[in-house]
Structure formats: C-alpha cells, structure tokens
N, C-alpha and C. Protein backbone atom coordinates (compact mmCIF):
# COMPACT_ATOMS: atom_id res chain seq x y z
N MET A 1 6.86 -96.13 -60.88
CA MET A 1 7.05 -94.65 -60.77
C MET A 1 8.54 -94.34 -61.09
N LYS A 2 9.41 -95.14 -60.51
CA LYS A 2 10.86 -94.88 -60.81
C LYS A 2 11.27 -95.05 -62.28
N ARG A 3 10.55 -96.05 -62.91
CA ARG A 3 10.78 -96.28 -64.30
C ARG A 3 10.33 -95.09 -65.13
N MET A 4 9.14 -94.50 -64.78
CA MET A 4 8.63 -93.32 -65.42
C MET A 4 9.62 -92.16 -65.28
N THR A 5 10.05 -91.99 -63.97
CA THR A 5 11.02 -90.81 -63.79
C THR A 5 12.22 -90.99 -64.53
N LYS A 6 12.83 -92.13 -64.54
CA LYS A 6 14.07 -92.29 -65.40
C LYS A 6 13.85 -92.02 -66.87
N GLY A 7 12.65 -92.50 -67.34
CA GLY A 7 12.35 -92.15 -68.74
C GLY A 7 12.29 -90.74 -69.07
N PHE A 8 11.61 -90.07 -68.09
CA PHE A 8 11.48 -88.55 -68.26
C PHE A 8 12.80 -87.92 -68.18
N VAL A 9 13.71 -88.33 -67.32
CA VAL A 9 15.00 -87.69 -67.23
C VAL A 9 15.76 -87.89 -68.57
N ARG A 10 15.62 -89.13 -69.25
CA ARG A 10 16.29 -89.42 -70.43
C ARG A 10 15.69 -88.46 -71.56
N PHE A 11 14.37 -88.42 -71.49
CA PHE A 11 13.71 -87.55 -72.47
C PHE A 11 14.15 -86.06 -72.31
N ALA A 12 14.18 -85.51 -71.09
CA ALA A 12 14.49 -84.17 -70.87
C ALA A 12 16.00 -83.88 -71.22
N ALA A 13 16.86 -84.79 -70.96
CA ALA A 13 18.22 -84.69 -71.33
C ALA A 13 18.41 -84.53 -72.77
N GLY A 14 17.59 -85.33 -73.58
CA GLY A 14 17.64 -85.21 -74.97
C GLY A 14 17.18 -83.85 -75.49
N LEU A 15 16.18 -83.31 -74.74
CA LEU A 15 15.75 -82.02 -75.21
C LEU A 15 16.84 -80.96 -75.07
N VAL A 16 17.54 -81.03 -73.83
CA VAL A 16 18.63 -80.09 -73.66
C VAL A 16 19.73 -80.24 -74.71
N ALA A 17 20.11 -81.50 -74.94
CA ALA A 17 21.14 -81.85 -75.87
C ALA A 17 20.88 -81.29 -77.30
N ALA A 18 19.50 -81.28 -77.68
CA ALA A 18 19.00 -80.80 -78.88
C ALA A 18 18.89 -79.31 -79.01
N GLY A 19 19.10 -78.66 -77.85
CA GLY A 19 18.94 -77.29 -77.75
C GLY A 19 17.46 -76.88 -77.78
N LEU A 20 16.56 -77.67 -77.44
CA LEU A 20 15.07 -77.43 -77.52
C LEU A 20 14.59 -76.84 -76.15
N VAL A 21 15.42 -76.86 -75.06
CA VAL A 21 14.94 -76.41 -73.78
C VAL A 21 16.28 -75.98 -73.08
N THR A 22 16.13 -74.94 -72.25
CA THR A 22 17.21 -74.41 -71.39
C THR A 22 17.24 -75.20 -70.22
N VAL A 23 18.31 -75.03 -69.34
CA VAL A 23 18.37 -75.68 -68.03
C VAL A 23 17.23 -75.18 -67.11
N GLY A 24 16.96 -73.90 -67.17
CA GLY A 24 15.88 -73.37 -66.38
C GLY A 24 14.55 -74.04 -66.78
N GLY A 25 14.37 -74.07 -68.12
CA GLY A 25 13.18 -74.83 -68.60
C GLY A 25 13.11 -76.17 -68.22
N LEU A 26 14.25 -76.86 -68.11
CA LEU A 26 14.34 -78.35 -67.76
C LEU A 26 13.93 -78.38 -66.31
N GLY A 27 14.32 -77.46 -65.48
CA GLY A 27 13.85 -77.51 -64.06
C GLY A 27 12.39 -77.42 -63.92
N THR A 28 11.73 -76.62 -64.78
CA THR A 28 10.33 -76.44 -64.76
C THR A 28 9.62 -77.76 -65.24
N LEU A 29 10.23 -78.34 -66.21
CA LEU A 29 9.64 -79.71 -66.70
C LEU A 29 9.74 -80.70 -65.65
N PHE A 30 10.82 -80.78 -64.89
CA PHE A 30 11.00 -81.70 -63.78
C PHE A 30 9.97 -81.42 -62.73
N ALA A 31 9.82 -80.16 -62.35
CA ALA A 31 8.74 -79.81 -61.33
C ALA A 31 7.29 -80.20 -61.71
N GLN A 32 7.11 -80.05 -62.98
CA GLN A 32 5.70 -80.50 -63.54
C GLN A 32 5.63 -81.99 -63.43
N SER A 33 6.70 -82.68 -63.80
CA SER A 33 6.64 -84.23 -63.90
C SER A 33 6.50 -84.78 -62.51
N ASP A 34 7.03 -84.16 -61.54
CA ASP A 34 6.95 -84.67 -60.18
C ASP A 34 5.61 -84.83 -59.56
N GLY A 35 4.70 -83.85 -59.91
CA GLY A 35 3.48 -83.64 -59.35
C GLY A 35 3.52 -83.12 -58.00
N GLY A 36 2.50 -83.24 -57.15
CA GLY A 36 2.56 -82.81 -55.71
C GLY A 36 2.47 -81.30 -55.64
N LEU A 37 2.88 -80.68 -54.44
CA LEU A 37 2.61 -79.35 -54.19
C LEU A 37 3.35 -78.47 -55.13
N ALA A 38 4.63 -78.77 -55.47
CA ALA A 38 5.37 -77.93 -56.39
C ALA A 38 4.76 -77.80 -57.68
N ALA A 39 4.13 -78.77 -58.23
CA ALA A 39 3.46 -78.84 -59.54
C ALA A 39 2.18 -77.99 -59.48
N ALA A 40 1.42 -78.11 -58.29
CA ALA A 40 0.27 -77.34 -58.14
C ALA A 40 0.55 -75.83 -58.12
N ALA A 41 1.63 -75.50 -57.38
CA ALA A 41 1.99 -74.09 -57.23
C ALA A 41 2.40 -73.55 -58.61
N LEU A 42 3.16 -74.33 -59.37
CA LEU A 42 3.52 -73.94 -60.71
C LEU A 42 2.41 -73.66 -61.60
N ARG A 43 1.35 -74.50 -61.47
CA ARG A 43 0.12 -74.28 -62.31
C ARG A 43 -0.81 -73.14 -61.65
N GLY A 44 -0.44 -72.63 -60.56
CA GLY A 44 -1.36 -71.60 -60.00
C GLY A 44 -2.50 -72.21 -59.40
N ASP A 45 -2.54 -73.48 -59.08
CA ASP A 45 -3.66 -74.33 -58.68
C ASP A 45 -3.90 -74.12 -57.14
N LEU A 46 -4.73 -73.18 -56.70
CA LEU A 46 -4.92 -72.92 -55.36
C LEU A 46 -5.58 -74.10 -54.64
N SER A 47 -6.63 -74.74 -55.19
CA SER A 47 -7.26 -75.84 -54.59
C SER A 47 -6.34 -77.03 -54.48
N GLY A 48 -5.54 -77.22 -55.52
CA GLY A 48 -4.58 -78.39 -55.43
C GLY A 48 -3.57 -78.03 -54.33
N CYS A 49 -3.09 -76.86 -54.24
CA CYS A 49 -2.12 -76.56 -53.04
C CYS A 49 -2.74 -76.77 -51.70
N ARG A 50 -4.04 -76.42 -51.58
CA ARG A 50 -4.67 -76.62 -50.31
C ARG A 50 -4.74 -78.13 -49.92
N ARG A 51 -5.07 -78.96 -50.98
CA ARG A 51 -5.19 -80.38 -50.68
C ARG A 51 -3.86 -80.89 -50.19
N TYR A 52 -2.79 -80.54 -50.90
CA TYR A 52 -1.40 -81.16 -50.66
C TYR A 52 -0.91 -80.66 -49.19
N VAL A 53 -1.18 -79.28 -48.87
CA VAL A 53 -0.69 -78.83 -47.56
C VAL A 53 -1.60 -79.50 -46.52
N GLU A 54 -2.87 -79.59 -46.69
CA GLU A 54 -3.77 -80.22 -45.73
C GLU A 54 -3.47 -81.73 -45.50
N SER A 55 -2.93 -82.31 -46.51
CA SER A 55 -2.51 -83.75 -46.34
C SER A 55 -1.10 -83.94 -45.73
N GLY A 56 -0.41 -82.71 -45.41
CA GLY A 56 0.86 -82.89 -44.73
C GLY A 56 2.08 -82.59 -45.54
N ALA A 57 1.89 -82.15 -46.80
CA ALA A 57 3.01 -81.95 -47.76
C ALA A 57 3.90 -80.84 -47.15
N PRO A 58 5.19 -80.98 -47.12
CA PRO A 58 6.12 -79.93 -46.63
C PRO A 58 6.04 -78.67 -47.55
N VAL A 59 5.65 -77.58 -46.82
CA VAL A 59 5.39 -76.37 -47.61
C VAL A 59 6.56 -75.86 -48.37
N ASP A 60 7.82 -76.04 -47.90
CA ASP A 60 8.94 -75.49 -48.59
C ASP A 60 9.79 -76.57 -49.38
N ALA A 61 9.27 -77.71 -49.47
CA ALA A 61 10.12 -78.82 -50.19
C ALA A 61 9.99 -78.63 -51.70
N PRO A 62 11.16 -78.52 -52.45
CA PRO A 62 11.17 -78.45 -53.83
C PRO A 62 10.70 -79.85 -54.39
N ALA A 63 10.34 -79.83 -55.65
CA ALA A 63 10.18 -81.06 -56.35
C ALA A 63 11.51 -81.80 -56.38
N SER A 64 11.47 -83.21 -56.17
CA SER A 64 12.65 -83.89 -55.84
C SER A 64 13.63 -83.84 -57.03
N SER A 65 13.04 -83.66 -58.22
CA SER A 65 13.88 -83.73 -59.43
C SER A 65 14.11 -82.42 -60.11
N ASP A 66 13.65 -81.35 -59.41
CA ASP A 66 13.90 -79.95 -59.90
C ASP A 66 15.36 -79.55 -59.81
N THR A 67 16.01 -79.45 -60.84
CA THR A 67 17.47 -79.14 -60.78
C THR A 67 17.84 -77.82 -60.16
N LEU A 68 16.80 -76.92 -60.08
CA LEU A 68 17.04 -75.57 -59.65
C LEU A 68 16.62 -75.58 -58.14
N ARG A 69 16.11 -76.64 -57.56
CA ARG A 69 15.67 -76.66 -56.14
C ARG A 69 14.78 -75.53 -55.75
N ARG A 70 13.78 -75.22 -56.51
CA ARG A 70 12.90 -74.05 -56.28
C ARG A 70 11.83 -74.66 -55.28
N THR A 71 11.43 -73.76 -54.44
CA THR A 71 10.42 -74.02 -53.49
C THR A 71 9.00 -73.75 -54.11
N PRO A 72 8.00 -74.40 -53.55
CA PRO A 72 6.53 -74.07 -54.10
C PRO A 72 6.33 -72.65 -54.13
N LEU A 73 6.86 -71.85 -53.20
CA LEU A 73 6.61 -70.46 -53.21
C LEU A 73 7.20 -69.79 -54.44
N MET A 74 8.47 -70.17 -54.71
CA MET A 74 9.08 -69.66 -55.96
C MET A 74 8.30 -69.96 -57.21
N LEU A 75 7.92 -71.24 -57.22
CA LEU A 75 7.15 -71.70 -58.44
C LEU A 75 5.77 -70.90 -58.52
N ALA A 76 5.20 -70.61 -57.37
CA ALA A 76 3.87 -69.87 -57.47
C ALA A 76 4.25 -68.39 -57.96
N VAL A 77 5.36 -67.85 -57.58
CA VAL A 77 5.78 -66.56 -58.21
C VAL A 77 5.91 -66.64 -59.67
N ARG A 78 6.52 -67.68 -60.09
CA ARG A 78 6.69 -67.86 -61.54
C ARG A 78 5.29 -68.02 -62.24
N SER A 79 4.38 -68.60 -61.57
CA SER A 79 2.99 -68.79 -62.12
C SER A 79 2.24 -67.49 -62.19
N GLY A 80 2.63 -66.52 -61.30
CA GLY A 80 1.91 -65.22 -61.21
C GLY A 80 0.62 -65.30 -60.34
N SER A 81 0.42 -66.38 -59.59
CA SER A 81 -0.80 -66.47 -58.87
C SER A 81 -0.63 -65.76 -57.50
N VAL A 82 -1.25 -64.69 -57.32
CA VAL A 82 -1.26 -64.04 -56.04
C VAL A 82 -1.99 -64.82 -54.92
N PRO A 83 -3.12 -65.52 -55.27
CA PRO A 83 -3.79 -66.27 -54.18
C PRO A 83 -2.89 -67.50 -53.76
N VAL A 84 -2.13 -68.08 -54.59
CA VAL A 84 -1.26 -69.26 -54.21
C VAL A 84 -0.11 -68.64 -53.45
N VAL A 85 0.50 -67.61 -53.80
CA VAL A 85 1.48 -67.02 -53.02
C VAL A 85 1.01 -66.72 -51.60
N ARG A 86 -0.07 -66.05 -51.55
CA ARG A 86 -0.69 -65.67 -50.16
C ARG A 86 -0.86 -66.93 -49.38
N PHE A 87 -1.52 -67.95 -49.98
CA PHE A 87 -1.82 -69.16 -49.22
C PHE A 87 -0.59 -69.83 -48.72
N LEU A 88 0.42 -69.88 -49.55
CA LEU A 88 1.65 -70.58 -49.11
C LEU A 88 2.29 -69.76 -47.94
N LEU A 89 2.41 -68.43 -48.08
CA LEU A 89 2.91 -67.63 -46.95
C LEU A 89 2.11 -67.90 -45.68
N GLU A 90 0.77 -67.93 -45.76
CA GLU A 90 -0.12 -68.07 -44.64
C GLU A 90 0.12 -69.43 -44.09
N SER A 91 0.68 -70.45 -44.97
CA SER A 91 0.81 -71.83 -44.44
C SER A 91 2.23 -72.03 -43.95
N GLY A 92 2.93 -70.96 -43.79
CA GLY A 92 4.25 -71.05 -43.15
C GLY A 92 5.41 -71.13 -44.11
N ALA A 93 5.33 -70.87 -45.43
CA ALA A 93 6.35 -70.93 -46.32
C ALA A 93 7.42 -69.86 -45.89
N LYS A 94 8.66 -70.25 -45.98
CA LYS A 94 9.83 -69.34 -45.73
C LYS A 94 10.03 -68.40 -46.85
N VAL A 95 9.73 -67.08 -46.49
CA VAL A 95 9.78 -66.06 -47.55
C VAL A 95 11.14 -65.91 -48.09
N ASP A 96 12.19 -66.13 -47.40
CA ASP A 96 13.56 -65.85 -47.73
C ASP A 96 14.38 -67.22 -48.13
N ALA A 97 13.53 -68.33 -48.30
CA ALA A 97 14.18 -69.59 -48.65
C ALA A 97 14.99 -69.40 -50.00
N ARG A 98 16.12 -70.10 -50.17
CA ARG A 98 17.01 -70.01 -51.29
C ARG A 98 16.83 -71.17 -52.19
N ASP A 99 17.04 -70.95 -53.50
CA ASP A 99 17.02 -72.17 -54.42
C ASP A 99 18.47 -72.57 -54.76
N GLY A 100 18.62 -73.31 -55.73
CA GLY A 100 20.01 -73.74 -56.09
C GLY A 100 20.92 -72.73 -56.44
N ARG A 101 20.44 -71.58 -56.97
CA ARG A 101 21.31 -70.45 -57.25
C ARG A 101 21.37 -69.41 -56.14
N ARG A 102 20.72 -69.77 -55.04
CA ARG A 102 20.64 -68.95 -53.86
C ARG A 102 19.70 -67.66 -54.16
N ALA A 103 18.83 -67.83 -54.99
CA ALA A 103 17.88 -66.83 -55.28
C ALA A 103 16.64 -66.86 -54.33
N THR A 104 16.02 -65.85 -54.02
CA THR A 104 14.79 -65.82 -53.19
C THR A 104 13.52 -65.64 -54.07
N ALA A 105 12.45 -65.83 -53.48
CA ALA A 105 11.09 -65.62 -54.20
C ALA A 105 11.07 -64.23 -54.63
N LEU A 106 11.52 -63.18 -53.82
CA LEU A 106 11.52 -61.79 -54.22
C LEU A 106 12.22 -61.49 -55.47
N LEU A 107 13.42 -62.16 -55.57
CA LEU A 107 14.24 -61.97 -56.84
C LEU A 107 13.36 -62.52 -58.06
N TYR A 108 12.80 -63.64 -57.91
CA TYR A 108 11.91 -64.19 -58.97
C TYR A 108 10.84 -63.16 -59.36
N ALA A 109 10.18 -62.49 -58.31
CA ALA A 109 9.20 -61.52 -58.54
C ALA A 109 9.76 -60.32 -59.30
N ALA A 110 10.95 -59.88 -58.89
CA ALA A 110 11.57 -58.66 -59.51
C ALA A 110 11.87 -58.97 -61.03
N GLU A 111 12.41 -60.21 -61.26
CA GLU A 111 12.73 -60.62 -62.56
C GLU A 111 11.59 -60.60 -63.50
N ARG A 112 10.37 -61.08 -63.03
CA ARG A 112 9.18 -61.25 -63.76
C ARG A 112 8.22 -60.10 -63.76
N GLY A 113 8.50 -59.04 -62.90
CA GLY A 113 7.65 -57.92 -62.91
C GLY A 113 6.35 -58.16 -62.10
N ARG A 114 6.40 -59.07 -61.20
CA ARG A 114 5.21 -59.44 -60.36
C ARG A 114 5.05 -58.43 -59.17
N ASP A 115 4.57 -57.26 -59.48
CA ASP A 115 4.49 -56.23 -58.46
C ASP A 115 3.49 -56.55 -57.28
N GLY A 116 2.41 -57.16 -57.59
CA GLY A 116 1.43 -57.65 -56.56
C GLY A 116 2.04 -58.61 -55.61
N ILE A 117 2.76 -59.57 -56.24
CA ILE A 117 3.45 -60.61 -55.49
C ILE A 117 4.62 -60.02 -54.67
N ALA A 118 5.32 -59.21 -55.24
CA ALA A 118 6.44 -58.51 -54.59
C ALA A 118 5.96 -57.85 -53.35
N ALA A 119 4.88 -57.19 -53.52
CA ALA A 119 4.22 -56.48 -52.36
C ALA A 119 3.97 -57.50 -51.24
N LEU A 120 3.40 -58.63 -51.54
CA LEU A 120 3.03 -59.58 -50.61
C LEU A 120 4.20 -60.12 -49.90
N LEU A 121 5.26 -60.43 -50.70
CA LEU A 121 6.50 -60.85 -50.11
C LEU A 121 7.21 -59.94 -49.15
N LEU A 122 7.19 -58.64 -49.57
CA LEU A 122 7.72 -57.64 -48.67
C LEU A 122 7.01 -57.42 -47.40
N SER A 123 5.61 -57.58 -47.52
CA SER A 123 4.84 -57.40 -46.32
C SER A 123 5.02 -58.58 -45.46
N ALA A 124 5.62 -59.76 -46.00
CA ALA A 124 5.82 -60.96 -45.21
C ALA A 124 7.25 -60.91 -44.61
N GLY A 125 7.97 -59.90 -44.85
CA GLY A 125 9.37 -59.73 -44.38
C GLY A 125 10.49 -60.04 -45.19
N ALA A 126 10.27 -60.22 -46.58
CA ALA A 126 11.24 -60.59 -47.46
C ALA A 126 12.46 -59.66 -47.39
N SER A 127 13.72 -60.20 -47.50
CA SER A 127 14.83 -59.43 -47.45
C SER A 127 15.01 -58.72 -48.85
N VAL A 128 15.01 -57.28 -48.77
CA VAL A 128 14.95 -56.59 -50.00
C VAL A 128 16.18 -56.55 -50.83
N ASP A 129 17.35 -56.81 -50.15
CA ASP A 129 18.60 -56.69 -50.90
C ASP A 129 19.34 -58.02 -51.03
N ALA A 130 18.69 -59.16 -50.78
CA ALA A 130 19.42 -60.42 -50.88
C ALA A 130 19.91 -60.74 -52.20
N ARG A 131 21.19 -61.10 -52.22
CA ARG A 131 21.91 -61.41 -53.50
C ARG A 131 21.77 -62.91 -53.71
N ASP A 132 21.81 -63.39 -55.02
CA ASP A 132 21.92 -64.78 -55.39
C ASP A 132 23.40 -65.08 -55.58
N ARG A 133 23.64 -66.35 -55.89
CA ARG A 133 24.96 -66.90 -56.07
C ARG A 133 25.81 -66.04 -57.06
N PHE A 134 25.16 -65.37 -58.03
CA PHE A 134 25.83 -64.64 -59.14
C PHE A 134 25.89 -63.10 -58.78
N GLY A 135 25.40 -62.73 -57.58
CA GLY A 135 25.52 -61.40 -57.20
C GLY A 135 24.26 -60.55 -57.60
N ASP A 136 23.37 -61.21 -58.16
CA ASP A 136 22.09 -60.46 -58.57
C ASP A 136 21.28 -60.16 -57.40
N TRP A 137 20.52 -59.02 -57.41
CA TRP A 137 19.60 -58.73 -56.28
C TRP A 137 18.21 -58.12 -56.86
N PRO A 138 17.25 -58.06 -56.08
CA PRO A 138 15.87 -57.64 -56.68
C PRO A 138 15.92 -56.29 -57.28
N LEU A 139 16.53 -55.28 -56.76
CA LEU A 139 16.43 -54.02 -57.39
C LEU A 139 17.14 -53.98 -58.84
N LEU A 140 18.32 -54.59 -58.74
CA LEU A 140 19.12 -54.60 -60.04
C LEU A 140 18.33 -55.41 -61.08
N ALA A 141 17.69 -56.48 -60.70
CA ALA A 141 16.94 -57.32 -61.68
C ALA A 141 15.69 -56.62 -62.14
N ALA A 142 15.06 -55.92 -61.31
CA ALA A 142 13.87 -55.14 -61.72
C ALA A 142 14.27 -53.98 -62.68
N VAL A 143 15.34 -53.35 -62.44
CA VAL A 143 15.75 -52.29 -63.38
C VAL A 143 16.11 -52.94 -64.72
N ARG A 144 17.00 -54.07 -64.69
CA ARG A 144 17.31 -54.70 -65.86
C ARG A 144 16.11 -55.14 -66.76
N GLU A 145 15.05 -55.60 -66.08
CA GLU A 145 13.85 -56.08 -66.92
C GLU A 145 12.93 -54.90 -67.08
N GLY A 146 13.18 -53.66 -66.53
CA GLY A 146 12.29 -52.56 -66.86
C GLY A 146 11.02 -52.72 -66.11
N ASN A 147 10.98 -53.29 -64.86
CA ASN A 147 9.83 -53.42 -64.07
C ASN A 147 9.67 -52.36 -63.04
N GLN A 148 9.08 -51.25 -63.61
CA GLN A 148 9.18 -49.99 -62.78
C GLN A 148 8.30 -50.11 -61.45
N ALA A 149 7.08 -50.80 -61.56
CA ALA A 149 6.34 -50.90 -60.43
C ALA A 149 6.99 -51.68 -59.30
N VAL A 150 7.78 -52.65 -59.69
CA VAL A 150 8.62 -53.47 -58.66
C VAL A 150 9.70 -52.53 -58.08
N VAL A 151 10.33 -51.83 -58.96
CA VAL A 151 11.40 -50.86 -58.46
C VAL A 151 10.81 -49.99 -57.43
N GLU A 152 9.64 -49.38 -57.72
CA GLU A 152 9.10 -48.47 -56.68
C GLU A 152 8.77 -49.22 -55.40
N LEU A 153 8.31 -50.46 -55.51
CA LEU A 153 8.02 -51.18 -54.25
C LEU A 153 9.24 -51.41 -53.47
N LEU A 154 10.31 -51.83 -54.17
CA LEU A 154 11.55 -52.07 -53.49
C LEU A 154 12.19 -50.86 -52.85
N LEU A 155 12.16 -49.70 -53.63
CA LEU A 155 12.62 -48.43 -53.05
C LEU A 155 11.80 -48.08 -51.72
N ALA A 156 10.53 -48.20 -51.86
CA ALA A 156 9.68 -47.95 -50.65
C ALA A 156 9.98 -48.71 -49.49
N ALA A 157 10.47 -49.90 -49.74
CA ALA A 157 10.96 -50.87 -48.74
C ALA A 157 12.32 -50.70 -48.25
N GLY A 158 13.00 -49.63 -48.77
CA GLY A 158 14.34 -49.28 -48.29
C GLY A 158 15.50 -49.98 -49.04
N ALA A 159 15.24 -50.44 -50.35
CA ALA A 159 16.29 -51.04 -51.12
C ALA A 159 17.57 -50.12 -51.19
N ASP A 160 18.67 -50.80 -51.06
CA ASP A 160 19.96 -50.03 -51.17
C ASP A 160 20.33 -49.70 -52.51
N THR A 161 20.32 -48.34 -52.78
CA THR A 161 20.60 -47.91 -54.16
C THR A 161 22.16 -47.86 -54.39
N ALA A 162 22.98 -47.95 -53.38
CA ALA A 162 24.41 -47.87 -53.54
C ALA A 162 25.10 -49.23 -53.90
N LYS A 163 24.42 -50.36 -53.76
CA LYS A 163 24.87 -51.66 -54.02
C LYS A 163 25.42 -51.65 -55.52
N ARG A 164 26.53 -52.41 -55.74
CA ARG A 164 27.07 -52.57 -57.01
C ARG A 164 27.20 -53.98 -57.54
N SER A 165 27.03 -54.21 -58.79
CA SER A 165 27.09 -55.53 -59.36
C SER A 165 28.47 -56.06 -59.13
N ARG A 166 28.56 -57.36 -58.82
CA ARG A 166 30.02 -58.01 -58.73
C ARG A 166 30.68 -58.08 -60.10
N TYR A 167 29.85 -58.08 -61.19
CA TYR A 167 30.31 -58.28 -62.49
C TYR A 167 30.54 -57.00 -63.27
N THR A 168 29.49 -56.15 -63.22
CA THR A 168 29.76 -54.90 -63.96
C THR A 168 30.13 -53.68 -63.18
N ASP A 169 30.23 -53.83 -61.84
CA ASP A 169 30.41 -52.78 -60.89
C ASP A 169 29.42 -51.62 -61.06
N MET A 170 28.36 -51.94 -61.54
CA MET A 170 27.30 -50.81 -61.80
C MET A 170 26.29 -50.85 -60.62
N THR A 171 25.84 -49.65 -60.22
CA THR A 171 24.75 -49.61 -59.32
C THR A 171 23.37 -49.71 -60.22
N ALA A 172 22.21 -49.89 -59.57
CA ALA A 172 20.93 -49.96 -60.35
C ALA A 172 20.74 -48.68 -61.15
N GLU A 173 21.08 -47.45 -60.59
CA GLU A 173 20.95 -46.26 -61.37
C GLU A 173 21.88 -46.27 -62.66
N GLU A 174 23.06 -46.67 -62.48
CA GLU A 174 24.00 -46.76 -63.62
C GLU A 174 23.52 -47.84 -64.72
N LEU A 175 22.89 -48.83 -64.21
CA LEU A 175 22.36 -49.88 -65.13
C LEU A 175 21.24 -49.28 -65.94
N ALA A 176 20.38 -48.53 -65.20
CA ALA A 176 19.21 -47.83 -65.81
C ALA A 176 19.70 -46.93 -66.90
N ARG A 177 20.73 -46.13 -66.56
CA ARG A 177 21.25 -45.23 -67.57
C ARG A 177 21.85 -45.94 -68.73
N SER A 178 22.56 -47.08 -68.53
CA SER A 178 23.13 -47.78 -69.72
C SER A 178 22.12 -48.43 -70.57
N LEU A 179 20.94 -48.72 -69.96
CA LEU A 179 19.91 -49.30 -70.76
C LEU A 179 18.86 -48.29 -71.34
N GLY A 180 19.12 -47.01 -71.12
CA GLY A 180 18.22 -45.93 -71.58
C GLY A 180 16.86 -45.93 -70.92
N ARG A 181 16.90 -46.44 -69.65
CA ARG A 181 15.54 -46.45 -68.92
C ARG A 181 15.51 -45.09 -68.14
N THR A 182 15.17 -44.06 -68.71
CA THR A 182 15.25 -42.73 -68.31
C THR A 182 14.44 -42.45 -66.92
N SER A 183 13.20 -42.92 -67.02
CA SER A 183 12.31 -42.63 -65.74
C SER A 183 13.01 -43.34 -64.59
N LEU A 184 13.48 -44.63 -64.77
CA LEU A 184 14.01 -45.29 -63.60
C LEU A 184 15.32 -44.68 -63.19
N GLU A 185 16.15 -44.15 -64.16
CA GLU A 185 17.31 -43.50 -63.86
C GLU A 185 17.17 -42.23 -62.97
N LYS A 186 16.02 -41.48 -63.33
CA LYS A 186 15.86 -40.31 -62.60
C LYS A 186 15.25 -40.58 -61.24
N LEU A 187 14.38 -41.57 -61.11
CA LEU A 187 13.95 -42.00 -59.79
C LEU A 187 15.00 -42.45 -58.98
N LEU A 188 15.85 -43.33 -59.42
CA LEU A 188 17.03 -43.97 -58.60
C LEU A 188 18.00 -42.78 -58.18
N SER A 189 18.17 -41.74 -59.16
CA SER A 189 19.10 -40.73 -58.89
C SER A 189 18.62 -39.91 -57.66
N ARG A 190 17.29 -39.57 -57.69
CA ARG A 190 16.78 -38.79 -56.64
C ARG A 190 16.74 -39.48 -55.24
N VAL A 191 16.43 -40.67 -55.28
CA VAL A 191 16.49 -41.52 -54.02
C VAL A 191 17.94 -41.66 -53.54
N ALA A 192 18.89 -41.86 -54.40
CA ALA A 192 20.29 -41.99 -54.09
C ALA A 192 20.73 -40.67 -53.48
N SER A 193 20.25 -39.57 -53.93
CA SER A 193 20.62 -38.22 -53.50
C SER A 193 20.15 -37.93 -52.11
N GLY A 194 19.19 -38.73 -51.58
CA GLY A 194 18.71 -38.58 -50.25
C GLY A 194 17.23 -38.18 -50.16
N ASP A 195 16.46 -38.17 -51.34
CA ASP A 195 15.06 -37.87 -51.22
C ASP A 195 14.34 -39.03 -50.66
N CYS A 196 13.45 -38.89 -49.82
CA CYS A 196 12.66 -39.85 -49.24
C CYS A 196 11.78 -40.40 -50.21
N PHE A 197 11.43 -41.73 -50.22
CA PHE A 197 10.58 -42.35 -51.25
C PHE A 197 9.55 -43.11 -50.59
N SER A 198 8.27 -42.99 -50.94
CA SER A 198 7.24 -43.81 -50.57
C SER A 198 6.34 -44.13 -51.82
N LEU A 199 5.49 -44.99 -51.75
CA LEU A 199 4.60 -45.21 -52.95
C LEU A 199 3.65 -44.09 -53.12
N GLU A 200 3.27 -43.42 -52.06
CA GLU A 200 2.46 -42.22 -52.20
C GLU A 200 3.21 -41.07 -52.84
N GLY A 201 4.55 -41.02 -52.79
CA GLY A 201 5.26 -39.97 -53.39
C GLY A 201 5.93 -40.39 -54.66
N SER A 202 5.52 -41.49 -55.22
CA SER A 202 6.15 -41.96 -56.44
C SER A 202 5.82 -41.12 -57.64
N GLN A 203 4.59 -40.67 -57.74
CA GLN A 203 4.20 -39.88 -58.97
C GLN A 203 4.98 -38.48 -59.06
N PRO A 204 5.06 -37.77 -57.96
CA PRO A 204 5.82 -36.53 -58.09
C PRO A 204 7.26 -36.72 -58.54
N LEU A 205 7.86 -37.82 -57.95
CA LEU A 205 9.24 -38.02 -58.51
C LEU A 205 9.34 -38.39 -59.83
N LEU A 206 8.38 -38.91 -60.40
CA LEU A 206 8.36 -39.45 -61.82
C LEU A 206 7.78 -38.39 -62.80
N THR A 207 7.24 -37.40 -62.33
CA THR A 207 6.49 -36.39 -63.20
C THR A 207 7.43 -35.84 -64.22
N GLY A 208 6.91 -36.00 -65.51
CA GLY A 208 7.83 -35.43 -66.61
C GLY A 208 8.90 -36.45 -67.08
N ALA A 209 9.09 -37.50 -66.38
CA ALA A 209 10.06 -38.51 -66.83
C ALA A 209 9.47 -39.37 -67.91
N ALA A 210 10.22 -39.62 -68.97
CA ALA A 210 9.77 -40.52 -70.00
C ALA A 210 10.85 -41.49 -70.34
N GLU A 211 10.48 -42.74 -70.84
CA GLU A 211 11.47 -43.61 -71.18
C GLU A 211 12.08 -43.18 -72.50
C-alpha cells in the first residue's frame, strides 16, 4: 500500500509539473486514491458512506494524503449529493469544520451554487459569515459566481452585507455591481438599506430586476 501511495504521489507531482492538473485538482486525486469515507463522499456514494461510518470511520477525518485537508462533508458538497451531506450531518459531522485554507462546507456550497446543500448546512447551524484564510466568505463567493439562489439563502440566514473583502475592499453589493450582476446588486442594496429579507419575500424584491 505504501509503495502504491508513493507511486501515486510521484505520478500526481508529474501532472502538476506538466500543468495538467491544478493543486486543487491534485487534492481531489489524492482523496480518490486514498479510498475510504472521503472517497465515497466525493463520489456521492451514500451506501459506501454508510458502510464506512458504521464500521467506525471518523466522520470528519480528511483523506490522509489530501493536500487541502477537506473533510468528507466538504467532499460531499463538491459531489453535489444532498443525501450524502444529510447523512454525514446526521452522523455527527462538524458543520463548521475548516480545511487547509480554513474554508467551511458552506463556502464550498456557495462557490459551487449548491443551494439545496447550503440550505441543509444552514439548518444545521453553519456559520453564515465565516471567512477562509484568504478573507473569502460565503456571500461574497456566491455573488462572485452568480449563484443567486445561494445568495438568497444566505441573506435569509442573516448574512452581513457590510463585510468587505480584505483584498478589494468591496462589499458583496459592490462586487455584484462591478460584475454587472444587476439583480444581485439590487437585492443586496435593498437588504443593506434595511429591508427585511426572507425567502418568502425574495420574489417581490427581485421583481423587474434583470441581469
């Protein structure tokens, strides 16, 4: 097993050197190569996750060779599997666990537009405004990627619209304006001005707004 792992490391390092895979992609390759709960979560394999958890696998342990140190919950978010995310949360996964860049599962969901998963994480008590090591946080990430459904969920959960990026000094509203995301800019502007926001009230706020 150790010989196979070392061989895989050399192979993956060669891919990075050749520019064929990013560091983030390399972390995913490592997670897949390790097997276990992390790999099952990344595949969105619910039955596999059940087997590993029932056999005593630590629910928050990242794959040992994943350079990004992502938990199975984070990898399940990446896979987009709502059933696996729900199962891991019900099995005791820490909703606000941090990876190597200090990102949370909610930040991953915001980046990837996983609104159903974001809703699950928020209902499990996820910190709505947690920053990663680079100063990124879910609302800013969702605006940057144009994930309006996630933005609405975050606002309904009380996301702070006044937070500013450590690098651009922009709020989420200012970022939306700079990217030409008109409907998001209008929504964020009204919330920042003091309008209460709930998911039930999202349609009136967005009426007539177009990207």
